């Protein structure tokens, strides 16, 4: 059954009160010792601008304003599965970039499904310590990748899998991408999934390409026959996504043949010290590690286990959206930060 559309722990009146006093905390990078930039102006973030998603938002620390709005959100880092994509699809659990894949070999599809049934409850369990969970997630990913190679995955199977997949972007994602592209703001899509599949989802599920998007994920190596033979670099799972994987990234538009490509390389991206981070796991907060940011606003999407996890998410993220909320609230937030 699909969860209800209003948060179970916040009444409409209390949620509205929280939004009327919305806080976006200025967070400094632990590694940064330079003084904060001067405040050009202090801009109250009006709750009215968040009205479209007010029934599904919670905030960590009410009562503040957005400072230096001209400089914030000059780089966006976003998770893919369950963040840019919807958690629910036609009333049932949507597929992830890993889960949608069909190798064309029923034996190996079944083996990967068995791994999912074993490890996914561990992934979403809020009671397992993060260090222990991280080891188990790496174990799961490496076993899955080995099965993909052993089972002879082809790129044609990826194309067909995406065409048949139960996966869709959250409402408002295209609007967000268009807004950021117009302002030359880079978007790094960090994912524990498979880069080749994610890029194929972008091709098939969006009406256009975006020159400012780069995918940082597990990238495959295919031989001349189009068959998977290996993976590049270190395994990226849900709890270790960070800047160390940037060398594996490539702009989506490069693979789509866009002649007017985005030229901001990774050294320039790292110099962009104001970050807007979007994720659906607390571990996603690590995506900004090593980027030497001065200010970060973290937006979390809590899609399941809401009663058990809301407190932890509210403490970890500056804003939390509940129950598969649309991306419209983030679009309105970015509009305030980058008018």
C-alpha atoms as a PDB file:
ATOM      1  CA  UNK A   1       0.000   0.000   0.000  1.00  0.00           C
ATOM      2  CA  UNK A   2       1.296   3.447  -0.826  1.00  0.00           C
ATOM      3  CA  UNK A   3       1.922   5.605   2.264  1.00  0.00           C
ATOM      4  CA  UNK A   4      -0.324   8.508   3.100  1.00  0.00           C
ATOM      5  CA  UNK A   5       0.574  11.880   1.653  1.00  0.00           C
ATOM      6  CA  UNK A   6       0.937  13.776   4.922  1.00  0.00           C
ATOM      7  CA  UNK A   7       3.640  13.111   7.516  1.00  0.00           C
ATOM      8  CA  UNK A   8       2.423  10.892  10.359  1.00  0.00           C
ATOM      9  CA  UNK A   9       4.309  12.775  13.066  1.00  0.00           C
ATOM     10  CA  UNK A  10       3.409  16.359  12.135  1.00  0.00           C
ATOM     11  CA  UNK A  11      -0.080  17.817  12.179  1.00  0.00           C
ATOM     12  CA  UNK A  12      -0.924  20.247   9.346  1.00  0.00           C
ATOM     13  CA  UNK A  13      -0.881  23.179  11.765  1.00  0.00           C
ATOM     14  CA  UNK A  14       2.484  22.314  13.306  1.00  0.00           C
ATOM     15  CA  UNK A  15       3.971  21.626   9.879  1.00  0.00           C
ATOM     16  CA  UNK A  16       2.792  25.033   8.649  1.00  0.00           C
ATOM     17  CA  UNK A  17       4.264  26.702  11.738  1.00  0.00           C
ATOM     18  CA  UNK A  18       7.590  25.027  11.113  1.00  0.00           C
ATOM     19  CA  UNK A  19       7.596  26.174   7.520  1.00  0.00           C
ATOM     20  CA  UNK A  20       6.746  29.733   8.511  1.00  0.00           C
ATOM     21  CA  UNK A  21       9.967  29.745  10.525  1.00  0.00           C
ATOM     22  CA  UNK A  22      12.090  27.761   8.054  1.00  0.00           C
ATOM     23  CA  UNK A  23      15.794  27.418   8.731  1.00  0.00           C
ATOM     24  CA  UNK A  24      18.498  26.793   6.233  1.00  0.00           C
ATOM     25  CA  UNK A  25      21.667  26.424   8.339  1.00  0.00           C
ATOM     26  CA  UNK A  26      24.967  27.664   6.953  1.00  0.00           C
ATOM     27  CA  UNK A  27      27.313  24.705   7.327  1.00  0.00           C
ATOM     28  CA  UNK A  28      31.050  25.068   7.009  1.00  0.00           C
ATOM     29  CA  UNK A  29      33.281  22.321   5.705  1.00  0.00           C
ATOM     30  CA  UNK A  30      35.243  20.701   8.548  1.00  0.00           C
ATOM     31  CA  UNK A  31      38.411  21.194   6.501  1.00  0.00           C
ATOM     32  CA  UNK A  32      37.770  24.848   5.774  1.00  0.00           C
ATOM     33  CA  UNK A  33      39.386  27.385   8.112  1.00  0.00           C
ATOM     34  CA  UNK A  34      38.960  30.498   6.021  1.00  0.00           C
ATOM     35  CA  UNK A  35      36.623  33.201   7.341  1.00  0.00           C
ATOM     36  CA  UNK A  36      33.052  33.186   6.049  1.00  0.00           C
ATOM     37  CA  UNK A  37      32.280  35.395   3.066  1.00  0.00           C
ATOM     38  CA  UNK A  38      30.713  38.768   3.883  1.00  0.00           C
ATOM     39  CA  UNK A  39      26.940  38.897   4.028  1.00  0.00           C
ATOM     40  CA  UNK A  40      25.594  40.799   1.071  1.00  0.00           C
ATOM     41  CA  UNK A  41      22.023  40.571   2.254  1.00  0.00           C
ATOM     42  CA  UNK A  42      19.855  38.466   4.480  1.00  0.00           C
ATOM     43  CA  UNK A  43      16.862  37.003   2.710  1.00  0.00           C
ATOM     44  CA  UNK A  44      14.019  35.389   4.664  1.00  0.00           C
ATOM     45  CA  UNK A  45      12.973  32.181   2.964  1.00  0.00           C
ATOM     46  CA  UNK A  46       9.232  32.643   2.753  1.00  0.00           C
ATOM     47  CA  UNK A  47       7.125  29.651   3.655  1.00  0.00           C
ATOM     48  CA  UNK A  48       4.642  30.770   1.039  1.00  0.00           C
ATOM     49  CA  UNK A  49       7.109  29.707  -1.618  1.00  0.00           C
ATOM     50  CA  UNK A  50       7.044  26.190  -0.181  1.00  0.00           C
ATOM     51  CA  UNK A  51       3.269  25.910  -0.081  1.00  0.00           C
ATOM     52  CA  UNK A  52       3.072  23.328  -2.851  1.00  0.00           C
ATOM     53  CA  UNK A  53       4.885  20.814  -0.682  1.00  0.00           C
ATOM     54  CA  UNK A  54       4.098  22.065   2.804  1.00  0.00           C
ATOM     55  CA  UNK A  55       2.210  18.906   3.718  1.00  0.00           C
ATOM     56  CA  UNK A  56       5.309  16.792   3.188  1.00  0.00           C
ATOM     57  CA  UNK A  57       8.146  18.858   4.631  1.00  0.00           C
ATOM     58  CA  UNK A  58       9.842  18.985   8.017  1.00  0.00           C
ATOM     59  CA  UNK A  59      12.672  21.262   9.131  1.00  0.00           C
ATOM     60  CA  UNK A  60      15.502  20.741  11.579  1.00  0.00           C
ATOM     61  CA  UNK A  61      15.868  24.113  13.272  1.00  0.00           C
ATOM     62  CA  UNK A  62      13.127  26.690  12.752  1.00  0.00           C
ATOM     63  CA  UNK A  63      13.581  30.430  13.006  1.00  0.00           C
ATOM     64  CA  UNK A  64      16.406  31.534  10.721  1.00  0.00           C
ATOM     65  CA  UNK A  65      16.933  33.249   7.397  1.00  0.00           C
ATOM     66  CA  UNK A  66      19.016  32.543   4.313  1.00  0.00           C
ATOM     67  CA  UNK A  67      22.232  34.550   4.254  1.00  0.00           C
ATOM     68  CA  UNK A  68      24.247  35.426   1.157  1.00  0.00           C
ATOM     69  CA  UNK A  69      21.516  34.193  -1.159  1.00  0.00           C
ATOM     70  CA  UNK A  70      23.454  35.344  -4.225  1.00  0.00           C
ATOM     71  CA  UNK A  71      26.218  32.830  -3.548  1.00  0.00           C
ATOM     72  CA  UNK A  72      24.489  29.724  -2.250  1.00  0.00           C
ATOM     73  CA  UNK A  73      23.638  26.677  -4.361  1.00  0.00           C
ATOM     74  CA  UNK A  74      26.351  27.264  -6.942  1.00  0.00           C
ATOM     75  CA  UNK A  75      26.879  23.532  -7.160  1.00  0.00           C
ATOM     76  CA  UNK A  76      24.242  20.825  -6.793  1.00  0.00           C
ATOM     77  CA  UNK A  77      25.087  17.286  -5.706  1.00  0.00           C
ATOM     78  CA  UNK A  78      22.230  14.802  -5.997  1.00  0.00           C
ATOM     79  CA  UNK A  79      21.666  11.124  -5.392  1.00  0.00           C
ATOM     80  CA  UNK A  80      19.779   9.310  -8.161  1.00  0.00           C
ATOM     81  CA  UNK A  81      17.675   6.371  -6.910  1.00  0.00           C
ATOM     82  CA  UNK A  82      14.909   7.505  -4.573  1.00  0.00           C
ATOM     83  CA  UNK A  83      16.023  11.141  -4.805  1.00  0.00           C
ATOM     84  CA  UNK A  84      15.770  12.248  -8.424  1.00  0.00           C
ATOM     85  CA  UNK A  85      13.517   9.262  -9.119  1.00  0.00           C
ATOM     86  CA  UNK A  86      10.238   8.430  -7.424  1.00  0.00           C
ATOM     87  CA  UNK A  87      10.211   5.817  -4.692  1.00  0.00           C
ATOM     88  CA  UNK A  88       6.707   4.667  -5.692  1.00  0.00           C
ATOM     89  CA  UNK A  89       5.529   3.807  -9.210  1.00  0.00           C
ATOM     90  CA  UNK A  90       1.803   3.269  -9.856  1.00  0.00           C
ATOM     91  CA  UNK A  91       1.211   2.298  -6.234  1.00  0.00           C
ATOM     92  CA  UNK A  92       4.099  -0.150  -5.875  1.00  0.00           C
ATOM     93  CA  UNK A  93       7.815   0.169  -5.160  1.00  0.00           C
ATOM     94  CA  UNK A  94       9.594   1.665  -8.151  1.00  0.00           C
ATOM     95  CA  UNK A  95      12.712   0.071  -9.550  1.00  0.00           C
ATOM     96  CA  UNK A  96      16.246   1.291  -8.896  1.00  0.00           C
ATOM     97  CA  UNK A  97      18.980   1.574 -11.509  1.00  0.00           C
ATOM     98  CA  UNK A  98      20.288  -1.766 -10.225  1.00  0.00           C
ATOM     99  CA  UNK A  99      16.872  -3.380  -9.782  1.00  0.00           C
ATOM    100  CA  UNK A 100      15.501  -2.626 -13.253  1.00  0.00           C
ATOM    101  CA  UNK A 101      18.251  -4.559 -14.993  1.00  0.00           C
ATOM    102  CA  UNK A 102      17.414  -7.810 -16.763  1.00  0.00           C
ATOM    103  CA  UNK A 103      20.454  -9.643 -18.070  1.00  0.00           C
ATOM    104  CA  UNK A 104      18.574 -11.851 -20.485  1.00  0.00           C
ATOM    105  CA  UNK A 105      19.658 -14.776 -18.330  1.00  0.00           C
ATOM    106  CA  UNK A 106      16.973 -15.896 -15.888  1.00  0.00           C
ATOM    107  CA  UNK A 107      19.419 -17.811 -13.714  1.00  0.00           C
ATOM    108  CA  UNK A 108      21.536 -14.738 -13.018  1.00  0.00           C
ATOM    109  CA  UNK A 109      18.529 -12.450 -12.651  1.00  0.00           C
ATOM    110  CA  UNK A 110      17.261 -14.828  -9.956  1.00  0.00           C
ATOM    111  CA  UNK A 111      20.634 -14.835  -8.192  1.00  0.00           C
ATOM    112  CA  UNK A 112      20.695 -11.033  -8.081  1.00  0.00           C
ATOM    113  CA  UNK A 113      17.135 -11.013  -6.759  1.00  0.00           C
ATOM    114  CA  UNK A 114      18.184 -13.369  -3.960  1.00  0.00           C
ATOM    115  CA  UNK A 115      20.939 -10.939  -3.014  1.00  0.00           C
ATOM    116  CA  UNK A 116      18.407  -8.103  -2.970  1.00  0.00           C
ATOM    117  CA  UNK A 117      16.050 -10.020  -0.693  1.00  0.00           C
ATOM    118  CA  UNK A 118      18.913 -10.669   1.718  1.00  0.00           C
ATOM    119  CA  UNK A 119      20.664  -7.286   1.765  1.00  0.00           C
ATOM    120  CA  UNK A 120      17.909  -4.722   1.142  1.00  0.00           C
ATOM    121  CA  UNK A 121      16.341  -5.157   4.611  1.00  0.00           C
ATOM    122  CA  UNK A 122      19.819  -4.471   6.005  1.00  0.00           C
ATOM    123  CA  UNK A 123      20.123  -1.334   3.868  1.00  0.00           C
ATOM    124  CA  UNK A 124      16.897   0.223   5.165  1.00  0.00           C
ATOM    125  CA  UNK A 125      17.167  -0.982   8.779  1.00  0.00           C
ATOM    126  CA  UNK A 126      17.738   2.046  11.057  1.00  0.00           C
ATOM    127  CA  UNK A 127      19.087  -0.087  13.918  1.00  0.00           C
ATOM    128  CA  UNK A 128      22.310  -1.367  12.297  1.00  0.00           C
ATOM    129  CA  UNK A 129      25.419   0.779  13.013  1.00  0.00           C
ATOM    130  CA  UNK A 130      26.725   2.560   9.911  1.00  0.00           C
ATOM    131  CA  UNK A 131      30.233   0.995   9.942  1.00  0.00           C
ATOM    132  CA  UNK A 132      28.743  -2.510  10.034  1.00  0.00           C
ATOM    133  CA  UNK A 133      26.168  -1.622   7.394  1.00  0.00           C
ATOM    134  CA  UNK A 134      28.830  -0.130   5.102  1.00  0.00           C
ATOM    135  CA  UNK A 135      30.785  -3.401   5.047  1.00  0.00           C
ATOM    136  CA  UNK A 136      27.640  -5.352   4.209  1.00  0.00           C
ATOM    137  CA  UNK A 137      26.702  -2.915   1.436  1.00  0.00           C
ATOM    138  CA  UNK A 138      30.135  -3.268  -0.167  1.00  0.00           C
ATOM    139  CA  UNK A 139      29.775  -7.045   0.030  1.00  0.00           C
ATOM    140  CA  UNK A 140      26.373  -6.852  -1.676  1.00  0.00           C
ATOM    141  CA  UNK A 141      27.593  -4.587  -4.499  1.00  0.00           C
ATOM    142  CA  UNK A 142      30.672  -6.668  -5.253  1.00  0.00           C
ATOM    143  CA  UNK A 143      28.664  -9.893  -5.411  1.00  0.00           C
ATOM    144  CA  UNK A 144      26.151  -8.233  -7.728  1.00  0.00           C
ATOM    145  CA  UNK A 145      28.826  -6.867 -10.062  1.00  0.00           C
ATOM    146  CA  UNK A 146      30.456 -10.295 -10.240  1.00  0.00           C
ATOM    147  CA  UNK A 147      27.135 -11.833 -11.291  1.00  0.00           C
ATOM    148  CA  UNK A 148      26.680  -9.214 -14.024  1.00  0.00           C
ATOM    149  CA  UNK A 149      30.070 -10.071 -15.504  1.00  0.00           C
ATOM    150  CA  UNK A 150      29.672 -13.826 -15.105  1.00  0.00           C
ATOM    151  CA  UNK A 151      26.198 -13.706 -16.627  1.00  0.00           C
ATOM    152  CA  UNK A 152      27.424 -11.947 -19.773  1.00  0.00           C
ATOM    153  CA  UNK A 153      25.508  -8.662 -19.539  1.00  0.00           C
ATOM    154  CA  UNK A 154      25.328  -6.736 -22.835  1.00  0.00           C
ATOM    155  CA  UNK A 155      24.628  -3.067 -23.497  1.00  0.00           C
ATOM    156  CA  UNK A 156      21.630  -4.021 -25.596  1.00  0.00           C
ATOM    157  CA  UNK A 157      20.152  -5.688 -22.500  1.00  0.00           C
ATOM    158  CA  UNK A 158      20.586  -2.380 -20.655  1.00  0.00           C
ATOM    159  CA  UNK A 159      18.684  -0.469 -23.347  1.00  0.00           C
ATOM    160  CA  UNK A 160      15.813  -2.950 -23.290  1.00  0.00           C
ATOM    161  CA  UNK A 161      15.720  -3.076 -19.491  1.00  0.00           C
ATOM    162  CA  UNK A 162      15.349   0.704 -19.251  1.00  0.00           C
ATOM    163  CA  UNK A 163      12.624   0.699 -21.898  1.00  0.00           C
ATOM    164  CA  UNK A 164      10.648  -1.846 -19.846  1.00  0.00           C
ATOM    165  CA  UNK A 165      11.466  -0.397 -16.410  1.00  0.00           C
ATOM    166  CA  UNK A 166       9.128   0.867 -13.713  1.00  0.00           C
ATOM    167  CA  UNK A 167      11.150   3.999 -13.078  1.00  0.00           C
ATOM    168  CA  UNK A 168      10.273   7.661 -13.404  1.00  0.00           C
ATOM    169  CA  UNK A 169      11.657  10.985 -12.268  1.00  0.00           C
ATOM    170  CA  UNK A 170      10.005  12.957  -9.486  1.00  0.00           C
ATOM    171  CA  UNK A 171       7.668  15.688 -10.626  1.00  0.00           C
ATOM    172  CA  UNK A 172       9.664  18.891 -10.947  1.00  0.00           C
ATOM    173  CA  UNK A 173      13.047  17.310 -11.760  1.00  0.00           C
ATOM    174  CA  UNK A 174      13.080  18.620 -15.344  1.00  0.00           C
ATOM    175  CA  UNK A 175      12.110  22.066 -14.076  1.00  0.00           C
ATOM    176  CA  UNK A 176      15.014  21.939 -11.609  1.00  0.00           C
ATOM    177  CA  UNK A 177      17.508  20.843 -14.278  1.00  0.00           C
ATOM    178  CA  UNK A 178      16.356  23.564 -16.663  1.00  0.00           C
ATOM    179  CA  UNK A 179      16.638  26.237 -13.970  1.00  0.00           C
ATOM    180  CA  UNK A 180      20.180  25.164 -13.065  1.00  0.00           C
ATOM    181  CA  UNK A 181      21.301  24.807 -16.684  1.00  0.00           C
ATOM    182  CA  UNK A 182      20.151  28.342 -17.495  1.00  0.00           C
ATOM    183  CA  UNK A 183      22.401  29.626 -14.697  1.00  0.00           C
ATOM    184  CA  UNK A 184      25.410  27.416 -15.559  1.00  0.00           C
ATOM    185  CA  UNK A 185      25.210  25.629 -12.217  1.00  0.00           C
ATOM    186  CA  UNK A 186      26.807  22.154 -12.417  1.00  0.00           C
ATOM    187  CA  UNK A 187      24.911  19.098 -11.204  1.00  0.00           C
ATOM    188  CA  UNK A 188      26.834  16.043 -10.014  1.00  0.00           C
ATOM    189  CA  UNK A 189      24.581  12.990  -9.869  1.00  0.00           C
ATOM    190  CA  UNK A 190      26.177  10.632  -7.355  1.00  0.00           C
ATOM    191  CA  UNK A 191      24.754   7.126  -7.361  1.00  0.00           C
ATOM    192  CA  UNK A 192      25.519   3.716  -5.935  1.00  0.00           C
ATOM    193  CA  UNK A 193      23.822   2.289  -9.010  1.00  0.00           C
ATOM    194  CA  UNK A 194      25.233   1.814 -12.495  1.00  0.00           C
ATOM    195  CA  UNK A 195      26.332   4.838 -14.518  1.00  0.00           C
ATOM    196  CA  UNK A 196      25.579   3.240 -17.883  1.00  0.00           C
ATOM    197  CA  UNK A 197      22.015   2.473 -16.812  1.00  0.00           C
ATOM    198  CA  UNK A 198      21.473   5.917 -15.281  1.00  0.00           C
ATOM    199  CA  UNK A 199      22.617   7.617 -18.468  1.00  0.00           C
ATOM    200  CA  UNK A 200      20.264   5.397 -20.459  1.00  0.00           C
ATOM    201  CA  UNK A 201      17.402   6.394 -18.117  1.00  0.00           C
ATOM    202  CA  UNK A 202      18.215  10.053 -18.823  1.00  0.00           C
ATOM    203  CA  UNK A 203      18.123   9.367 -22.559  1.00  0.00           C
ATOM    204  CA  UNK A 204      14.848   7.466 -22.561  1.00  0.00           C
ATOM    205  CA  UNK A 205      12.843   9.124 -19.770  1.00  0.00           C
ATOM    206  CA  UNK A 206      13.608  12.831 -20.271  1.00  0.00           C
ATOM    207  CA  UNK A 207      12.578  14.873 -23.286  1.00  0.00           C
ATOM    208  CA  UNK A 208      16.027  16.452 -23.704  1.00  0.00           C
ATOM    209  CA  UNK A 209      19.659  16.321 -22.557  1.00  0.00           C
ATOM    210  CA  UNK A 210      21.267  18.702 -20.073  1.00  0.00           C
ATOM    211  CA  UNK A 211      24.793  19.984 -20.658  1.00  0.00           C
ATOM    212  CA  UNK A 212      25.561  20.647 -16.965  1.00  0.00           C
ATOM    213  CA  UNK A 213      24.910  17.121 -15.594  1.00  0.00           C
ATOM    214  CA  UNK A 214      27.681  14.658 -14.765  1.00  0.00           C
ATOM    215  CA  UNK A 215      27.055  11.127 -13.486  1.00  0.00           C
ATOM    216  CA  UNK A 216      29.317   9.762 -10.742  1.00  0.00           C
ATOM    217  CA  UNK A 217      28.551   6.065 -10.364  1.00  0.00           C
ATOM    218  CA  UNK A 218      29.782   2.524 -10.993  1.00  0.00           C
ATOM    219  CA  UNK A 219      30.897   2.570 -14.612  1.00  0.00           C
ATOM    220  CA  UNK A 220      31.095  -0.528 -16.783  1.00  0.00           C
ATOM    221  CA  UNK A 221      33.712  -1.598 -19.312  1.00  0.00           C
ATOM    222  CA  UNK A 222      32.396  -3.394 -22.418  1.00  0.00           C
ATOM    223  CA  UNK A 223      34.378  -5.315 -25.007  1.00  0.00           C
ATOM    224  CA  UNK A 224      34.038  -4.891 -28.776  1.00  0.00           C
ATOM    225  CA  UNK A 225      31.048  -7.229 -28.817  1.00  0.00           C
ATOM    226  CA  UNK A 226      29.215  -5.017 -26.303  1.00  0.00           C
ATOM    227  CA  UNK A 227      29.616  -7.497 -23.441  1.00  0.00           C
ATOM    228  CA  UNK A 228      30.488  -6.416 -19.892  1.00  0.00           C
ATOM    229  CA  UNK A 229      34.017  -7.431 -18.874  1.00  0.00           C
ATOM    230  CA  UNK A 230      34.819  -5.294 -15.808  1.00  0.00           C
ATOM    231  CA  UNK A 231      34.048  -2.200 -13.733  1.00  0.00           C
ATOM    232  CA  UNK A 232      36.154   0.946 -13.400  1.00  0.00           C
ATOM    233  CA  UNK A 233      37.691   1.965 -10.099  1.00  0.00           C
ATOM    234  CA  UNK A 234      36.434   1.481  -6.575  1.00  0.00           C
ATOM    235  CA  UNK A 235      32.959   0.126  -5.890  1.00  0.00           C
ATOM    236  CA  UNK A 236      30.490   2.885  -5.003  1.00  0.00           C
ATOM    237  CA  UNK A 237      27.686   1.796  -2.672  1.00  0.00           C
ATOM    238  CA  UNK A 238      25.007   3.697  -0.747  1.00  0.00           C
ATOM    239  CA  UNK A 239      27.290   4.592   2.153  1.00  0.00           C
ATOM    240  CA  UNK A 240      30.590   5.596   0.498  1.00  0.00           C
ATOM    241  CA  UNK A 241      29.632   8.024  -2.260  1.00  0.00           C
ATOM    242  CA  UNK A 242      32.064  10.970  -2.280  1.00  0.00           C
ATOM    243  CA  UNK A 243      34.369  13.027  -4.445  1.00  0.00           C
ATOM    244  CA  UNK A 244      36.947  10.219  -4.744  1.00  0.00           C
ATOM    245  CA  UNK A 245      34.724   8.728  -7.456  1.00  0.00           C
ATOM    246  CA  UNK A 246      34.806  11.850  -9.657  1.00  0.00           C
ATOM    247  CA  UNK A 247      37.336  10.376 -12.068  1.00  0.00           C
ATOM    248  CA  UNK A 248      34.683   7.831 -13.061  1.00  0.00           C
ATOM    249  CA  UNK A 249      32.207  10.524 -14.042  1.00  0.00           C
ATOM    250  CA  UNK A 250      31.328  11.742 -17.512  1.00  0.00           C
ATOM    251  CA  UNK A 251      28.857  14.384 -18.677  1.00  0.00           C
ATOM    252  CA  UNK A 252      25.629  12.802 -19.861  1.00  0.00           C
ATOM    253  CA  UNK A 253      25.643  15.064 -22.920  1.00  0.00           C
ATOM    254  CA  UNK A 254      28.971  13.631 -24.113  1.00  0.00           C
ATOM    255  CA  UNK A 255      27.237  10.344 -24.760  1.00  0.00           C
ATOM    256  CA  UNK A 256      24.274  12.071 -26.386  1.00  0.00           C
ATOM    257  CA  UNK A 257      26.337  13.962 -28.953  1.00  0.00           C
ATOM    258  CA  UNK A 258      25.577  17.476 -27.688  1.00  0.00           C
ATOM    259  CA  UNK A 259      27.999  19.732 -29.623  1.00  0.00           C
ATOM    260  CA  UNK A 260      27.685  22.557 -27.079  1.00  0.00           C
ATOM    261  CA  UNK A 261      29.011  20.678 -24.076  1.00  0.00           C
ATOM    262  CA  UNK A 262      29.437  21.986 -20.568  1.00  0.00           C
ATOM    263  CA  UNK A 263      33.109  22.914 -20.028  1.00  0.00           C
ATOM    264  CA  UNK A 264      33.342  23.220 -16.230  1.00  0.00           C
ATOM    265  CA  UNK A 265      35.897  20.533 -15.324  1.00  0.00           C
ATOM    266  CA  UNK A 266      36.230  18.867 -11.940  1.00  0.00           C
ATOM    267  CA  UNK A 267      38.905  21.246 -10.653  1.00  0.00           C
ATOM    268  CA  UNK A 268      36.509  24.120 -11.247  1.00  0.00           C
ATOM    269  CA  UNK A 269      33.623  22.172  -9.736  1.00  0.00           C
ATOM    270  CA  UNK A 270      35.640  21.605  -6.566  1.00  0.00           C
ATOM    271  CA  UNK A 271      36.306  25.351  -6.318  1.00  0.00           C
ATOM    272  CA  UNK A 272      32.591  26.055  -6.181  1.00  0.00           C
ATOM    273  CA  UNK A 273      32.356  26.303  -2.416  1.00  0.00           C
ATOM    274  CA  UNK A 274      28.573  26.609  -1.998  1.00  0.00           C
ATOM    275  CA  UNK A 275      26.707  23.308  -2.203  1.00  0.00           C
ATOM    276  CA  UNK A 276      23.087  22.202  -2.341  1.00  0.00           C
ATOM    277  CA  UNK A 277      22.963  18.486  -1.545  1.00  0.00           C
ATOM    278  CA  UNK A 278      19.972  16.209  -2.272  1.00  0.00           C
ATOM    279  CA  UNK A 279      19.753  12.653  -0.938  1.00  0.00           C
ATOM    280  CA  UNK A 280      17.499   9.966   0.503  1.00  0.00           C
ATOM    281  CA  UNK A 281      20.044   8.281   2.824  1.00  0.00           C
ATOM    282  CA  UNK A 282      21.959   9.855   5.697  1.00  0.00           C
ATOM    283  CA  UNK A 283      25.018   8.334   4.059  1.00  0.00           C
ATOM    284  CA  UNK A 284      24.374  10.633   1.078  1.00  0.00           C
ATOM    285  CA  UNK A 285      25.703  13.514   3.175  1.00  0.00           C
ATOM    286  CA  UNK A 286      29.162  12.122   2.449  1.00  0.00           C
ATOM    287  CA  UNK A 287      28.752  13.051  -1.222  1.00  0.00           C
ATOM    288  CA  UNK A 288      30.154  16.509  -0.418  1.00  0.00           C
ATOM    289  CA  UNK A 289      33.230  15.173   1.413  1.00  0.00           C
ATOM    290  CA  UNK A 290      36.462  16.578   0.009  1.00  0.00           C
ATOM    291  CA  UNK A 291      34.802  19.314  -2.036  1.00  0.00           C
ATOM    292  CA  UNK A 292      36.100  21.996   0.362  1.00  0.00           C
ATOM    293  CA  UNK A 293      32.733  23.709   0.562  1.00  0.00           C
ATOM    294  CA  UNK A 294      32.124  26.710   2.800  1.00  0.00           C
ATOM    295  CA  UNK A 295      28.341  26.509   2.861  1.00  0.00           C
ATOM    296  CA  UNK A 296      26.068  23.522   2.437  1.00  0.00           C
ATOM    297  CA  UNK A 297      22.311  23.113   2.500  1.00  0.00           C
ATOM    298  CA  UNK A 298      21.280  19.468   2.782  1.00  0.00           C
ATOM    299  CA  UNK A 299      17.832  18.362   1.613  1.00  0.00           C
ATOM    300  CA  UNK A 300      16.692  14.849   2.526  1.00  0.00           C
ATOM    301  CA  UNK A 301      13.934  12.691   1.036  1.00  0.00           C
ATOM    302  CA  UNK A 302      12.574  10.217   3.591  1.00  0.00           C
ATOM    303  CA  UNK A 303      10.576   7.678   1.615  1.00  0.00           C
ATOM    304  CA  UNK A 304       9.992   4.832   4.086  1.00  0.00           C
ATOM    305  CA  UNK A 305      10.375   3.885   7.783  1.00  0.00           C
ATOM    306  CA  UNK A 306       9.249   7.433   8.516  1.00  0.00           C
ATOM    307  CA  UNK A 307       8.286   7.005  12.161  1.00  0.00           C
ATOM    308  CA  UNK A 308      11.614   5.360  13.045  1.00  0.00           C
ATOM    309  CA  UNK A 309      13.840   7.547  10.895  1.00  0.00           C
ATOM    310  CA  UNK A 310      12.340  11.054  10.972  1.00  0.00           C
ATOM    311  CA  UNK A 311      14.269  12.148  14.069  1.00  0.00           C
ATOM    312  CA  UNK A 312      17.625  11.047  12.639  1.00  0.00           C
ATOM    313  CA  UNK A 313      16.874  12.601   9.242  1.00  0.00           C
ATOM    314  CA  UNK A 314      15.719  15.861  10.820  1.00  0.00           C
ATOM    315  CA  UNK A 315      18.975  16.092  12.762  1.00  0.00           C
ATOM    316  CA  UNK A 316      21.134  15.227   9.737  1.00  0.00           C
ATOM    317  CA  UNK A 317      19.417  17.279   6.999  1.00  0.00           C
ATOM    318  CA  UNK A 318      18.359  20.926   6.995  1.00  0.00           C
ATOM    319  CA  UNK A 319      15.067  20.103   5.248  1.00  0.00           C
ATOM    320  CA  UNK A 320      13.341  16.725   5.005  1.00  0.00           C
ATOM    321  CA  UNK A 321      10.623  15.854   2.484  1.00  0.00           C
ATOM    322  CA  UNK A 322       8.381  12.922   3.350  1.00  0.00           C
ATOM    323  CA  UNK A 323       6.351  10.329   1.469  1.00  0.00           C
ATOM    324  CA  UNK A 324       7.827  10.598  -2.036  1.00  0.00           C
ATOM    325  CA  UNK A 325       7.287  14.349  -2.250  1.00  0.00           C
ATOM    326  CA  UNK A 326       7.733  16.111  -5.615  1.00  0.00           C
ATOM    327  CA  UNK A 327      10.837  18.167  -6.411  1.00  0.00           C
ATOM    328  CA  UNK A 328       8.795  21.359  -6.663  1.00  0.00           C
ATOM    329  CA  UNK A 329       9.785  22.483  -3.167  1.00  0.00           C
ATOM    330  CA  UNK A 330      13.466  22.220  -4.106  1.00  0.00           C
ATOM    331  CA  UNK A 331      12.841  24.233  -7.275  1.00  0.00           C
ATOM    332  CA  UNK A 332      11.260  26.974  -5.175  1.00  0.00           C
ATOM    333  CA  UNK A 333      14.150  26.822  -2.721  1.00  0.00           C
ATOM    334  CA  UNK A 334      16.737  27.187  -5.499  1.00  0.00           C
ATOM    335  CA  UNK A 335      14.705  30.050  -6.947  1.00  0.00           C
ATOM    336  CA  UNK A 336      15.157  31.877  -3.643  1.00  0.00           C
ATOM    337  CA  UNK A 337      18.873  31.099  -3.486  1.00  0.00           C
ATOM    338  CA  UNK A 338      19.648  31.899  -7.129  1.00  0.00           C
ATOM    339  CA  UNK A 339      17.110  34.481  -8.311  1.00  0.00           C
END
